[in-house]
Protein backbone atom coordinates (compact mmCIF):
# COMPACT_ATOMS: atom_id res chain seq x y z
CA MET A 1 -1.67 17.34 16.51
CA VAL A 2 -0.52 16.40 13.01
CA VAL A 3 -2.09 13.24 11.60
CA ARG A 4 0.47 11.06 9.86
CA ARG A 5 -0.18 9.97 6.31
CA TYR A 6 0.39 6.31 5.47
CA LEU A 7 0.55 4.44 2.20
CA LEU A 8 -0.67 0.89 2.82
CA ASP A 9 1.12 -2.00 1.17
CA THR A 10 -1.23 -4.21 -0.85
CA HIS A 11 -1.45 -7.02 1.69
CA LEU A 12 -2.51 -4.58 4.41
CA VAL A 13 -5.21 -3.15 2.15
CA TYR A 14 -6.51 -6.65 1.48
CA TRP A 15 -6.38 -7.67 5.14
CA TRP A 16 -8.31 -4.51 6.03
CA MET A 17 -10.93 -5.20 3.36
CA THR A 18 -11.40 -8.81 4.50
CA ALA A 19 -11.05 -8.23 8.28
CA ASP A 20 -8.15 -10.69 8.26
CA GLY A 21 -6.78 -11.58 11.69
CA ARG A 22 -3.21 -10.99 10.48
CA LEU A 23 -3.98 -7.28 10.64
CA GLY A 24 -3.14 -6.76 14.31
CA LYS A 25 -5.08 -4.56 16.68
CA ALA A 26 -2.39 -1.87 16.74
CA THR A 27 -2.37 -1.65 12.93
CA GLN A 28 -6.18 -1.60 12.84
CA HIS A 29 -6.17 1.28 15.31
CA LEU A 30 -3.53 3.14 13.30
CA ILE A 31 -5.53 2.73 10.07
CA GLU A 32 -8.72 3.91 11.78
CA ASN A 33 -7.02 7.05 13.11
CA ALA A 34 -4.59 8.09 10.37
CA ASP A 35 -4.81 9.59 6.93
CA ILE A 36 -4.61 6.48 4.70
CA VAL A 37 -3.59 6.43 1.06
CA VAL A 38 -3.87 3.42 -1.26
CA SER A 39 -1.89 3.24 -4.48
CA THR A 40 -3.76 2.37 -7.64
CA ALA A 41 -0.88 -0.10 -8.06
CA SER A 42 -2.39 -2.05 -5.14
CA VAL A 43 -5.78 -2.13 -6.82
CA TRP A 44 -4.12 -3.32 -10.03
CA GLU A 45 -2.09 -5.96 -8.16
CA MET A 46 -5.20 -7.33 -6.42
CA VAL A 47 -7.14 -7.47 -9.69
CA LEU A 48 -4.28 -9.34 -11.40
CA LYS A 49 -4.10 -11.88 -8.55
CA ASN A 50 -7.86 -12.25 -8.61
CA GLY A 51 -7.74 -12.97 -12.35
CA LYS A 52 -5.29 -15.80 -11.66
CA GLY A 53 -7.65 -17.25 -9.05
CA LYS A 54 -5.25 -16.41 -6.20
CA LEU A 55 -7.21 -13.69 -4.42
CA PRO A 56 -10.97 -13.57 -3.91
CA LEU A 57 -12.36 -10.06 -4.21
CA PRO A 58 -15.79 -8.55 -3.61
CA GLN A 59 -17.97 -7.62 -6.56
CA GLY A 60 -17.99 -4.04 -7.78
CA SER A 61 -15.40 -1.33 -8.01
CA LEU A 62 -12.49 -1.76 -5.61
CA SER A 63 -11.63 1.91 -5.99
CA GLU A 64 -15.11 2.98 -4.93
CA GLN A 65 -15.07 0.56 -1.99
CA LEU A 66 -11.72 1.88 -0.79
CA GLU A 67 -12.83 5.49 -1.13
CA ALA A 68 -16.00 4.62 0.83
CA GLN A 69 -13.67 3.49 3.65
CA GLY A 70 -12.22 7.01 3.68
CA PHE A 71 -8.99 6.04 1.92
CA ALA A 72 -7.49 8.36 -0.68
CA LEU A 73 -6.43 6.72 -3.95
CA LEU A 74 -3.02 7.67 -5.27
CA PRO A 75 -2.65 7.47 -9.06
CA ILE A 76 0.55 6.27 -10.67
CA LEU A 77 2.23 9.40 -12.01
CA PRO A 78 5.16 9.65 -14.44
CA ARG A 79 7.34 11.13 -11.71
CA HIS A 80 6.70 8.03 -9.56
CA ILE A 81 8.17 5.93 -12.37
CA ASP A 82 11.20 8.22 -12.50
CA VAL A 83 11.70 7.86 -8.73
CA ALA A 84 11.34 4.06 -8.97
CA ARG A 85 13.96 4.05 -11.70
CA SER A 86 16.38 6.07 -9.58
CA LEU A 87 16.15 3.90 -6.44
CA ALA A 88 19.61 2.70 -5.47
CA PHE A 89 18.55 -0.74 -4.21
CA VAL A 90 17.34 -3.85 -5.97
CA HIS A 91 13.88 -5.16 -5.17
CA ALA A 92 12.36 -7.76 -7.46
CA ASP A 93 8.66 -7.00 -7.01
CA PRO A 94 7.68 -4.14 -9.36
CA PHE A 95 4.56 -3.25 -7.34
CA ASP A 96 6.60 -2.94 -4.14
CA ARG A 97 9.26 -0.89 -5.89
CA LEU A 98 6.62 1.47 -7.26
CA MET A 99 4.94 1.88 -3.87
CA ILE A 100 8.31 2.58 -2.21
CA ALA A 101 8.88 5.27 -4.86
CA GLN A 102 5.39 6.71 -4.40
CA ALA A 103 5.78 6.87 -0.63
CA HIS A 104 9.12 8.63 -1.01
CA ASP A 105 7.88 11.08 -3.64
CA GLU A 106 4.61 11.89 -1.85
CA ARG A 107 6.25 12.05 1.61
CA LEU A 108 4.11 9.24 2.94
CA THR A 109 5.11 6.51 5.37
CA LEU A 110 4.83 3.10 3.74
CA LEU A 111 3.18 0.67 6.13
CA THR A 112 4.02 -2.98 5.41
CA CYS A 113 4.62 -6.41 6.91
CA ASP A 114 6.78 -7.45 3.95
CA THR A 115 10.10 -8.63 5.37
CA ALA A 116 11.90 -7.98 2.07
CA ILE A 117 10.85 -4.31 2.16
CA LEU A 118 11.47 -3.94 5.89
CA GLY A 119 14.88 -5.57 5.45
CA LEU A 120 15.98 -2.73 3.15
CA GLY A 121 16.12 -0.44 6.19
CA LEU A 122 14.60 2.50 4.33
CA ASP A 123 13.53 5.75 5.96
CA GLY A 124 9.81 6.25 5.66
CA VAL A 125 8.94 2.54 5.93
CA GLU A 126 7.31 1.11 9.05
CA LYS A 127 6.09 -2.31 10.08
CA GLY A 128 2.33 -2.58 10.08
């Protein structure tokens, strides 16, 4: 059996880290049993929101905490920027656009609850 590889959208990463009830049982099960990748863009996004007082975060290195959960961290590569630039649709959030590009380039399935992303009807994007 081939284990699917998923790139988690930032809100799913945060909900996982904080055991938030919005992360449903089916998504929890999927995360526990799949190969999970987290973009460094998500780490950056959470740190920026934390700096604005909008998102409480645990002390210490988020990257190390995510890796301790068994998640692989995906760096932002120049080719990801090129893919983001070439996307044919408009999406206002630069973090989302980058993660869509990363998922496409790395052949990952982007898992999200973001209605704006889901509304694009893209291949390789699933509701989490």
